[in-house]
Amino acid sequence: MTGTTGEHEVGVSASDVLPDADYLRAIVDRLDALRTRKIDYHPATGDEAIWSCQIGGSFPHGALPPEADLPMRAAVVAAYEALTGQRDGYIFSGWGGQLDESHRAVVEHREPLYESTDWATLKSAADAIEALSVALHRTADTDTPAPTNPADAGRDQS
């Protein structure tokens, strides 16, 4: 890709700019591994009962009084102790929470919206980049013409 930008000559080949196909494939494989990896949320010490709750409404956040966390937290701690007969080991709470999309949809009586870019789309894009990289390397390094369909870049064209 030797050319000019404005008045400056650029002497950069495609192989200088694009990562090689093996590198791109390794990225896609790593993304797949991260996406499918099971995560153990339970500590090695055994089963823990963890209660979770989100409560809210149309009350404006700015209208909350100072120290508004304390009464809510005290009520939850008291209820936990009354129910389990034990003191809590920890509590995470506060007025800064937000509903995730699935909860927001329930509150708004609608179906959840999903992001338009899912893993299949990202993987497809990565595969296309890999195919283009292979085609560019083949064109730059040999006399073999680049495939007309970038999806055929990794295949034998003979």
Protein backbone atom coordinates (compact mmCIF):
# COMPACT_ATOMS: atom_id res chain seq x y z
CA MET A 1 0.00 0.00 0.00
CA THR A 2 2.41 2.59 -1.14
CA GLY A 3 0.73 5.88 -1.83
CA THR A 4 0.32 9.43 -0.70
CA THR A 5 -1.78 11.10 1.93
CA GLY A 6 -2.08 14.77 1.23
CA GLU A 7 1.47 15.78 0.34
CA HIS A 8 3.27 13.01 2.28
CA GLU A 9 4.34 9.77 0.69
CA VAL A 10 3.43 6.65 2.63
CA GLY A 11 5.59 3.58 2.11
CA VAL A 12 3.73 0.94 4.10
CA SER A 13 2.92 -2.52 2.82
CA ALA A 14 -0.19 -4.44 3.81
CA SER A 15 1.92 -6.90 5.82
CA ASP A 16 3.26 -3.98 7.89
CA VAL A 17 -0.24 -2.90 8.83
CA LEU A 18 -2.25 -6.09 9.15
CA PRO A 19 -1.47 -8.79 11.69
CA ASP A 20 -0.82 -12.22 10.26
CA ALA A 21 -3.60 -14.80 9.98
CA ASP A 22 -2.29 -16.96 12.85
CA TYR A 23 -2.36 -13.97 15.18
CA LEU A 24 -5.94 -13.11 14.18
CA ARG A 25 -7.03 -16.76 14.57
CA ALA A 26 -5.45 -16.84 18.05
CA ILE A 27 -7.48 -13.77 19.02
CA VAL A 28 -10.72 -15.36 17.81
CA ASP A 29 -9.89 -18.61 19.62
CA ARG A 30 -9.12 -16.71 22.83
CA LEU A 31 -12.41 -14.79 22.57
CA ASP A 32 -14.25 -18.09 22.13
CA ALA A 33 -12.47 -19.57 25.14
CA LEU A 34 -13.30 -16.57 27.30
CA ARG A 35 -16.91 -16.57 26.19
CA THR A 36 -17.44 -20.25 26.95
CA ARG A 37 -15.32 -20.59 30.09
CA LYS A 38 -17.26 -21.68 33.16
CA ILE A 39 -16.72 -19.48 36.16
CA ASP A 40 -17.19 -20.94 39.62
CA TYR A 41 -18.93 -18.30 41.70
CA HIS A 42 -19.07 -20.49 44.77
CA PRO A 43 -16.06 -20.32 47.08
CA ALA A 44 -14.15 -23.50 47.83
CA THR A 45 -15.50 -23.47 51.41
CA GLY A 46 -18.95 -24.64 50.29
CA ASP A 47 -22.44 -23.43 49.53
CA GLU A 48 -23.40 -19.89 50.54
CA ALA A 49 -26.93 -18.53 50.62
CA ILE A 50 -26.75 -15.06 49.06
CA TRP A 51 -29.93 -13.02 48.75
CA SER A 52 -30.15 -10.33 46.11
CA CYS A 53 -32.74 -7.60 45.67
CA GLN A 54 -33.28 -4.48 43.64
CA ILE A 55 -35.95 -2.07 44.78
CA GLY A 56 -36.85 1.28 43.30
CA GLY A 57 -39.52 3.34 41.69
CA SER A 58 -40.15 6.76 40.24
CA PHE A 59 -38.80 8.59 43.30
CA PRO A 60 -36.01 10.93 42.08
CA HIS A 61 -32.51 10.05 43.28
CA GLY A 62 -31.74 13.68 44.08
CA ALA A 63 -34.68 13.85 46.51
CA LEU A 64 -33.19 11.21 48.84
CA PRO A 65 -32.14 12.56 52.24
CA PRO A 66 -28.51 12.39 53.39
CA GLU A 67 -27.58 9.01 54.90
CA ALA A 68 -30.43 7.34 52.98
CA ASP A 69 -28.51 4.04 52.85
CA LEU A 70 -28.58 3.46 56.61
CA PRO A 71 -32.29 2.69 57.18
CA MET A 72 -32.46 0.35 54.19
CA ARG A 73 -29.27 -1.46 55.17
CA ALA A 74 -30.37 -1.76 58.85
CA ALA A 75 -33.74 -3.23 57.79
CA VAL A 76 -32.09 -5.85 55.57
CA VAL A 77 -29.54 -6.79 58.27
CA ALA A 78 -32.32 -7.14 60.87
CA ALA A 79 -34.40 -9.29 58.52
CA TYR A 80 -31.38 -11.48 57.68
CA GLU A 81 -30.60 -12.05 61.36
CA ALA A 82 -34.27 -12.81 62.18
CA LEU A 83 -34.50 -15.30 59.31
CA THR A 84 -31.16 -17.11 59.68
CA GLY A 85 -30.40 -16.64 63.37
CA GLN A 86 -26.92 -15.42 62.38
CA ARG A 87 -25.20 -12.11 61.78
CA ASP A 88 -24.49 -11.27 58.18
CA GLY A 89 -20.94 -11.80 56.95
CA TYR A 90 -21.15 -8.89 54.53
CA ILE A 91 -23.62 -6.58 52.88
CA PHE A 92 -23.33 -4.64 49.64
CA SER A 93 -26.01 -2.04 49.16
CA GLY A 94 -26.60 1.52 48.12
CA TRP A 95 -28.75 3.85 46.10
CA GLY A 96 -26.42 3.92 43.09
CA GLY A 97 -27.72 0.72 41.50
CA GLN A 98 -29.13 0.38 38.01
CA LEU A 99 -31.40 -2.17 36.43
CA ASP A 100 -29.91 -4.39 33.77
CA GLU A 101 -31.84 -4.65 30.50
CA SER A 102 -33.78 -7.77 31.49
CA HIS A 103 -35.01 -6.16 34.73
CA ARG A 104 -35.73 -2.82 33.02
CA ALA A 105 -37.88 -4.63 30.45
CA VAL A 106 -39.97 -6.24 33.21
CA VAL A 107 -40.48 -2.87 34.93
CA GLU A 108 -41.48 -1.29 31.62
CA HIS A 109 -43.73 -4.24 30.62
CA ARG A 110 -41.89 -4.99 27.38
CA GLU A 111 -39.58 -7.53 25.80
CA PRO A 112 -35.86 -6.97 26.48
CA LEU A 113 -33.75 -5.31 23.81
CA TYR A 114 -30.59 -7.10 22.82
CA GLU A 115 -27.40 -5.65 21.45
CA SER A 116 -27.18 -6.00 17.72
CA THR A 117 -23.59 -7.26 17.87
CA ASP A 118 -23.45 -10.76 19.26
CA TRP A 119 -20.56 -13.23 19.41
CA ALA A 120 -21.49 -14.84 16.11
CA THR A 121 -21.31 -11.44 14.40
CA LEU A 122 -17.96 -10.62 16.04
CA LYS A 123 -16.54 -14.01 15.08
CA SER A 124 -17.78 -13.55 11.53
CA ALA A 125 -16.07 -10.15 11.37
CA ALA A 126 -12.83 -11.62 12.75
CA ASP A 127 -12.98 -14.42 10.17
CA ALA A 128 -13.43 -11.84 7.40
CA ILE A 129 -10.43 -9.86 8.67
CA GLU A 130 -8.39 -13.06 8.78
CA ALA A 131 -9.42 -13.91 5.22
CA LEU A 132 -8.45 -10.45 3.99
CA SER A 133 -5.12 -10.67 5.79
CA VAL A 134 -4.36 -14.03 4.19
CA ALA A 135 -5.33 -12.68 0.77
CA LEU A 136 -3.16 -9.59 1.20
CA HIS A 137 -0.17 -11.62 2.38
CA ARG A 138 -0.57 -14.06 -0.50
CA THR A 139 -0.76 -11.21 -3.02
CA ALA A 140 2.21 -9.38 -1.51
CA ASP A 141 4.42 -12.46 -1.04
CA THR A 142 3.70 -14.47 -4.20
CA ASP A 143 2.48 -14.13 -7.70
CA THR A 144 -0.72 -15.99 -6.74
CA PRO A 145 -3.71 -13.77 -7.38
CA ALA A 146 -5.91 -12.94 -4.44
CA PRO A 147 -9.19 -14.85 -4.35
CA THR A 148 -12.19 -12.96 -5.62
CA ASN A 149 -14.15 -14.02 -2.52
CA PRO A 150 -12.26 -13.14 0.70
CA ALA A 151 -13.95 -16.13 2.42
CA ASP A 152 -11.83 -18.35 0.11
CA ALA A 153 -8.55 -16.74 1.25
CA GLY A 154 -7.35 -19.69 3.33
CA ARG A 155 -8.26 -22.29 0.71
CA ASP A 156 -6.15 -23.70 -2.07
CA GLN A 157 -7.14 -21.90 -5.28
CA SER A 158 -5.68 -24.48 -7.68
